[in-house]
Amino acid sequence: MFRDPKHFVPLRPVEFLLLVSLAEGDLHGYGLTQALDERSDGAVRLEPGNLYKVLKRLVADGLIESAGHRPAADLENERRHYYRLTRLGERVVALEARRIAALVATPAVRSLVKRFAPAS
């Protein structure tokens, strides 16, 4: 089943952050929660129930898939469920990244960024 990546753009911010995080490698739910926190400077936080709703939707859309269960290095005998990007997910996150880059490259946005940049 082939889907056009354009169908998914624009992504919701939380979806984009999750897909970008998975672009770096397979992650489990807790690892994704940590990545969201880091990438958003704490601005995006999801309760586990909401995180798994988003992950379930991304799986249903074919953007991510299960990467199986693996032992958690920091927890004895506990196995965590990992996720990874699909080929479609890679194409969608690349398309969204290009869309955002083009948006922030406009003269108006560049001017605002300079104008409101923190003092060094």
N, C-alpha and C. Protein backbone atom coordinates (compact mmCIF):
# COMPACT_ATOMS: atom_id res chain seq x y z
N MET A 1 0.84 -1.19 0.00
CA MET A 1 0.00 0.00 0.00
C MET A 1 0.88 1.24 0.00
N PHE A 2 0.82 2.02 -1.05
CA PHE A 2 1.60 3.25 -1.15
C PHE A 2 0.72 4.44 -0.81
N ARG A 3 1.24 5.31 0.00
CA ARG A 3 0.54 6.54 0.32
C ARG A 3 1.43 7.71 -0.03
N ASP A 4 0.81 8.77 -0.47
CA ASP A 4 1.53 9.99 -0.81
C ASP A 4 1.92 10.72 0.48
N PRO A 5 3.22 10.96 0.71
CA PRO A 5 3.65 11.67 1.93
C PRO A 5 2.96 13.03 2.10
N LYS A 6 2.60 13.68 1.00
CA LYS A 6 1.95 14.99 1.08
C LYS A 6 0.62 14.92 1.83
N HIS A 7 0.02 13.74 1.84
CA HIS A 7 -1.26 13.53 2.53
C HIS A 7 -1.14 13.84 4.03
N PHE A 8 0.05 13.67 4.62
CA PHE A 8 0.25 13.79 6.06
C PHE A 8 0.75 15.15 6.51
N VAL A 9 1.10 16.01 5.56
CA VAL A 9 1.70 17.31 5.88
C VAL A 9 0.64 18.39 5.80
N PRO A 10 0.58 19.33 6.74
CA PRO A 10 1.51 19.49 7.85
C PRO A 10 1.21 18.52 9.00
N LEU A 11 2.28 18.14 9.68
CA LEU A 11 2.16 17.29 10.85
C LEU A 11 1.83 18.14 12.08
N ARG A 12 1.23 17.52 13.06
CA ARG A 12 1.08 18.16 14.36
C ARG A 12 2.48 18.25 14.98
N PRO A 13 2.74 19.29 15.76
CA PRO A 13 4.09 19.42 16.35
C PRO A 13 4.55 18.17 17.10
N VAL A 14 3.69 17.56 17.89
CA VAL A 14 4.10 16.38 18.65
C VAL A 14 4.44 15.23 17.72
N GLU A 15 3.71 15.08 16.63
CA GLU A 15 4.01 14.03 15.67
C GLU A 15 5.37 14.27 15.02
N PHE A 16 5.63 15.51 14.64
CA PHE A 16 6.92 15.85 14.04
C PHE A 16 8.06 15.54 15.00
N LEU A 17 7.92 15.95 16.26
CA LEU A 17 8.96 15.69 17.25
C LEU A 17 9.20 14.20 17.45
N LEU A 18 8.11 13.42 17.48
CA LEU A 18 8.26 11.97 17.64
C LEU A 18 8.96 11.35 16.43
N LEU A 19 8.55 11.75 15.23
CA LEU A 19 9.16 11.19 14.02
C LEU A 19 10.63 11.58 13.90
N VAL A 20 10.96 12.83 14.23
CA VAL A 20 12.36 13.27 14.20
C VAL A 20 13.17 12.45 15.20
N SER A 21 12.61 12.20 16.36
CA SER A 21 13.31 11.40 17.37
C SER A 21 13.56 9.98 16.86
N LEU A 22 12.58 9.40 16.19
CA LEU A 22 12.74 8.05 15.66
C LEU A 22 13.67 8.02 14.44
N ALA A 23 13.88 9.16 13.80
CA ALA A 23 14.82 9.22 12.68
C ALA A 23 16.24 8.93 13.16
N GLU A 24 16.49 9.13 14.44
CA GLU A 24 17.82 8.87 15.00
C GLU A 24 17.99 7.43 15.43
N GLY A 25 16.90 6.67 15.47
CA GLY A 25 16.99 5.27 15.85
C GLY A 25 15.75 4.81 16.60
N ASP A 26 15.65 3.52 16.77
CA ASP A 26 14.51 2.93 17.46
C ASP A 26 14.46 3.42 18.91
N LEU A 27 13.23 3.67 19.39
CA LEU A 27 13.05 4.10 20.77
C LEU A 27 11.80 3.45 21.35
N HIS A 28 11.78 3.31 22.65
CA HIS A 28 10.60 2.83 23.37
C HIS A 28 9.83 4.04 23.89
N GLY A 29 8.66 3.79 24.46
CA GLY A 29 7.80 4.88 24.91
C GLY A 29 8.48 5.85 25.85
N TYR A 30 9.16 5.34 26.87
CA TYR A 30 9.83 6.23 27.82
C TYR A 30 10.94 7.02 27.14
N GLY A 31 11.67 6.39 26.23
CA GLY A 31 12.72 7.09 25.49
C GLY A 31 12.13 8.20 24.62
N LEU A 32 10.95 7.95 24.05
CA LEU A 32 10.27 8.97 23.25
C LEU A 32 9.81 10.13 24.13
N THR A 33 9.34 9.82 25.33
CA THR A 33 8.94 10.87 26.27
C THR A 33 10.13 11.76 26.60
N GLN A 34 11.28 11.16 26.85
CA GLN A 34 12.50 11.92 27.14
C GLN A 34 12.92 12.76 25.94
N ALA A 35 12.83 12.18 24.74
CA ALA A 35 13.21 12.91 23.53
C ALA A 35 12.29 14.11 23.31
N LEU A 36 10.99 13.94 23.54
CA LEU A 36 10.05 15.06 23.41
C LEU A 36 10.43 16.18 24.36
N ASP A 37 10.73 15.82 25.58
CA ASP A 37 11.10 16.81 26.59
C ASP A 37 12.36 17.57 26.17
N GLU A 38 13.36 16.84 25.72
CA GLU A 38 14.63 17.46 25.31
C GLU A 38 14.45 18.34 24.07
N ARG A 39 13.77 17.85 23.06
CA ARG A 39 13.63 18.58 21.80
C ARG A 39 12.75 19.82 21.93
N SER A 40 11.88 19.83 22.93
CA SER A 40 10.97 20.97 23.09
C SER A 40 11.32 21.83 24.28
N ASP A 41 12.48 21.60 24.89
CA ASP A 41 12.88 22.32 26.11
C ASP A 41 11.79 22.25 27.17
N GLY A 42 11.15 21.10 27.27
CA GLY A 42 10.14 20.88 28.28
C GLY A 42 8.75 21.39 27.94
N ALA A 43 8.58 22.00 26.77
CA ALA A 43 7.29 22.57 26.40
C ALA A 43 6.27 21.51 25.99
N VAL A 44 6.74 20.36 25.49
CA VAL A 44 5.83 19.30 25.06
C VAL A 44 6.01 18.11 25.99
N ARG A 45 4.96 17.83 26.73
CA ARG A 45 4.96 16.68 27.63
C ARG A 45 3.66 15.92 27.43
N LEU A 46 3.78 14.64 27.28
CA LEU A 46 2.60 13.79 27.08
C LEU A 46 2.49 12.79 28.22
N GLU A 47 1.30 12.64 28.74
CA GLU A 47 1.03 11.56 29.69
C GLU A 47 1.12 10.25 28.90
N PRO A 48 1.47 9.15 29.57
CA PRO A 48 1.62 7.88 28.84
C PRO A 48 0.41 7.52 27.98
N GLY A 49 -0.81 7.71 28.50
CA GLY A 49 -2.00 7.37 27.72
C GLY A 49 -2.08 8.16 26.43
N ASN A 50 -1.76 9.45 26.48
CA ASN A 50 -1.78 10.30 25.28
C ASN A 50 -0.65 9.94 24.33
N LEU A 51 0.52 9.64 24.87
CA LEU A 51 1.65 9.24 24.03
C LEU A 51 1.27 8.00 23.22
N TYR A 52 0.70 7.00 23.88
CA TYR A 52 0.38 5.77 23.19
C TYR A 52 -0.78 5.94 22.21
N LYS A 53 -1.66 6.90 22.44
CA LYS A 53 -2.69 7.21 21.44
C LYS A 53 -2.05 7.75 20.17
N VAL A 54 -1.08 8.65 20.33
CA VAL A 54 -0.38 9.22 19.16
C VAL A 54 0.41 8.12 18.46
N LEU A 55 1.12 7.30 19.22
CA LEU A 55 1.89 6.21 18.61
C LEU A 55 0.97 5.24 17.86
N LYS A 56 -0.17 4.93 18.44
CA LYS A 56 -1.12 4.03 17.78
C LYS A 56 -1.59 4.62 16.45
N ARG A 57 -1.85 5.93 16.43
CA ARG A 57 -2.29 6.60 15.20
C ARG A 57 -1.16 6.58 14.16
N LEU A 58 0.08 6.84 14.60
CA LEU A 58 1.21 6.83 13.66
C LEU A 58 1.44 5.43 13.09
N VAL A 59 1.22 4.40 13.90
CA VAL A 59 1.31 3.02 13.40
C VAL A 59 0.20 2.76 12.39
N ALA A 60 -1.03 3.15 12.73
CA ALA A 60 -2.18 2.94 11.83
C ALA A 60 -1.99 3.66 10.50
N ASP A 61 -1.34 4.84 10.54
CA ASP A 61 -1.08 5.60 9.32
C ASP A 61 0.10 5.05 8.52
N GLY A 62 0.84 4.11 9.11
CA GLY A 62 1.97 3.52 8.41
C GLY A 62 3.25 4.34 8.48
N LEU A 63 3.31 5.31 9.42
CA LEU A 63 4.50 6.16 9.53
C LEU A 63 5.56 5.55 10.44
N ILE A 64 5.11 4.74 11.40
CA ILE A 64 6.02 4.02 12.27
C ILE A 64 5.53 2.59 12.37
N GLU A 65 6.42 1.73 12.90
CA GLU A 65 6.05 0.33 13.09
C GLU A 65 6.73 -0.19 14.34
N SER A 66 6.26 -1.32 14.80
CA SER A 66 6.87 -1.97 15.95
C SER A 66 8.27 -2.45 15.58
N ALA A 67 9.19 -2.23 16.49
CA ALA A 67 10.54 -2.76 16.31
C ALA A 67 10.78 -3.88 17.32
N GLY A 68 9.69 -4.37 17.92
CA GLY A 68 9.77 -5.49 18.84
C GLY A 68 10.02 -5.09 20.27
N HIS A 69 10.12 -6.10 21.10
CA HIS A 69 10.40 -5.91 22.52
C HIS A 69 11.86 -6.26 22.78
N ARG A 70 12.48 -5.47 23.63
CA ARG A 70 13.88 -5.70 23.99
C ARG A 70 14.05 -5.50 25.48
N PRO A 71 15.05 -6.13 26.05
CA PRO A 71 15.30 -5.90 27.47
C PRO A 71 15.70 -4.44 27.70
N ALA A 72 15.24 -3.90 28.80
CA ALA A 72 15.64 -2.55 29.19
C ALA A 72 16.95 -2.66 29.95
N ALA A 73 17.96 -1.97 29.48
CA ALA A 73 19.30 -2.06 30.08
C ALA A 73 19.29 -1.64 31.55
N ASP A 74 18.43 -0.69 31.88
CA ASP A 74 18.42 -0.14 33.24
C ASP A 74 17.44 -0.84 34.18
N LEU A 75 16.64 -1.77 33.67
CA LEU A 75 15.64 -2.44 34.49
C LEU A 75 15.79 -3.95 34.37
N GLU A 76 15.84 -4.62 35.51
CA GLU A 76 16.01 -6.07 35.51
C GLU A 76 14.82 -6.78 34.89
N ASN A 77 15.06 -7.62 33.93
CA ASN A 77 14.06 -8.50 33.32
C ASN A 77 12.85 -7.79 32.71
N GLU A 78 12.86 -6.49 32.63
CA GLU A 78 11.73 -5.80 32.01
C GLU A 78 12.03 -5.57 30.54
N ARG A 79 11.03 -5.84 29.71
CA ARG A 79 11.19 -5.65 28.27
C ARG A 79 10.35 -4.46 27.85
N ARG A 80 10.89 -3.66 26.95
CA ARG A 80 10.18 -2.48 26.46
C ARG A 80 9.86 -2.65 24.99
N HIS A 81 8.75 -2.05 24.60
CA HIS A 81 8.30 -2.09 23.21
C HIS A 81 8.94 -0.93 22.46
N TYR A 82 9.66 -1.23 21.40
CA TYR A 82 10.35 -0.22 20.60
C TYR A 82 9.58 0.08 19.33
N TYR A 83 9.78 1.30 18.82
CA TYR A 83 9.18 1.75 17.57
C TYR A 83 10.27 2.23 16.63
N ARG A 84 9.97 2.19 15.33
CA ARG A 84 10.90 2.71 14.32
C ARG A 84 10.11 3.34 13.19
N LEU A 85 10.78 4.23 12.47
CA LEU A 85 10.18 4.85 11.29
C LEU A 85 10.04 3.83 10.17
N THR A 86 8.99 3.96 9.41
CA THR A 86 8.86 3.19 8.18
C THR A 86 9.45 4.04 7.06
N ARG A 87 9.54 3.47 5.88
CA ARG A 87 10.01 4.23 4.72
C ARG A 87 9.09 5.43 4.46
N LEU A 88 7.77 5.21 4.58
CA LEU A 88 6.82 6.31 4.42
C LEU A 88 7.04 7.36 5.50
N GLY A 89 7.27 6.94 6.73
CA GLY A 89 7.53 7.88 7.82
C GLY A 89 8.77 8.72 7.55
N GLU A 90 9.81 8.10 7.00
CA GLU A 90 11.03 8.84 6.65
C GLU A 90 10.72 9.92 5.61
N ARG A 91 9.93 9.55 4.62
CA ARG A 91 9.58 10.51 3.56
C ARG A 91 8.73 11.65 4.10
N VAL A 92 7.80 11.32 4.99
CA VAL A 92 6.92 12.34 5.57
C VAL A 92 7.72 13.31 6.44
N VAL A 93 8.59 12.79 7.30
CA VAL A 93 9.36 13.68 8.18
C VAL A 93 10.31 14.56 7.35
N ALA A 94 10.86 14.02 6.27
CA ALA A 94 11.72 14.83 5.40
C ALA A 94 10.92 15.93 4.71
N LEU A 95 9.74 15.60 4.24
CA LEU A 95 8.88 16.59 3.59
C LEU A 95 8.47 17.68 4.57
N GLU A 96 8.12 17.29 5.78
CA GLU A 96 7.73 18.27 6.80
C GLU A 96 8.92 19.15 7.19
N ALA A 97 10.09 18.57 7.31
CA ALA A 97 11.28 19.35 7.65
C ALA A 97 11.58 20.38 6.56
N ARG A 98 11.44 19.99 5.30
CA ARG A 98 11.64 20.94 4.20
C ARG A 98 10.59 22.05 4.25
N ARG A 99 9.36 21.69 4.57
CA ARG A 99 8.29 22.68 4.65
C ARG A 99 8.58 23.70 5.74
N ILE A 100 9.02 23.23 6.89
CA ILE A 100 9.32 24.12 8.01
C ILE A 100 10.54 24.97 7.70
N ALA A 101 11.56 24.37 7.10
CA ALA A 101 12.76 25.12 6.74
C ALA A 101 12.44 26.25 5.77
N ALA A 102 11.59 25.98 4.79
CA ALA A 102 11.20 27.02 3.83
C ALA A 102 10.42 28.13 4.53
N LEU A 103 9.59 27.75 5.47
CA LEU A 103 8.81 28.74 6.20
C LEU A 103 9.70 29.66 7.03
N VAL A 104 10.64 29.10 7.75
CA VAL A 104 11.49 29.93 8.61
C VAL A 104 12.57 30.67 7.83
N ALA A 105 12.76 30.31 6.57
CA ALA A 105 13.76 31.00 5.75
C ALA A 105 13.20 32.26 5.10
N THR A 106 11.92 32.54 5.28
CA THR A 106 11.34 33.73 4.65
C THR A 106 11.93 34.98 5.30
N PRO A 107 12.06 36.07 4.55
CA PRO A 107 12.62 37.30 5.11
C PRO A 107 11.88 37.79 6.35
N ALA A 108 10.57 37.69 6.35
CA ALA A 108 9.80 38.18 7.50
C ALA A 108 10.15 37.40 8.77
N VAL A 109 10.25 36.09 8.66
CA VAL A 109 10.57 35.28 9.83
C VAL A 109 12.01 35.51 10.26
N ARG A 110 12.93 35.58 9.32
CA ARG A 110 14.33 35.84 9.67
C ARG A 110 14.46 37.17 10.40
N SER A 111 13.71 38.18 9.96
CA SER A 111 13.73 39.49 10.60
C SER A 111 13.22 39.39 12.04
N LEU A 112 12.14 38.65 12.25
CA LEU A 112 11.60 38.49 13.60
C LEU A 112 12.59 37.76 14.51
N VAL A 113 13.23 36.74 13.97
CA VAL A 113 14.19 35.98 14.77
C VAL A 113 15.33 36.89 15.21
N LYS A 114 15.84 37.70 14.29
CA LYS A 114 16.92 38.63 14.64
C LYS A 114 16.44 39.65 15.67
N ARG A 115 15.25 40.15 15.45
CA ARG A 115 14.70 41.22 16.30
C ARG A 115 14.49 40.73 17.74
N PHE A 116 14.09 39.50 17.89
CA PHE A 116 13.78 38.97 19.22
C PHE A 116 14.79 37.96 19.73
N ALA A 117 15.97 37.95 19.13
CA ALA A 117 17.02 37.05 19.59
C ALA A 117 17.49 37.47 20.98
N PRO A 118 17.78 36.51 21.84
CA PRO A 118 18.27 36.87 23.17
C PRO A 118 19.60 37.61 23.06
N ALA A 119 19.79 38.55 23.95
CA ALA A 119 21.04 39.32 23.96
C ALA A 119 22.19 38.40 24.35
N SER A 120 23.31 38.56 23.68
CA SER A 120 24.47 37.71 23.96
C SER A 120 25.26 38.21 25.12
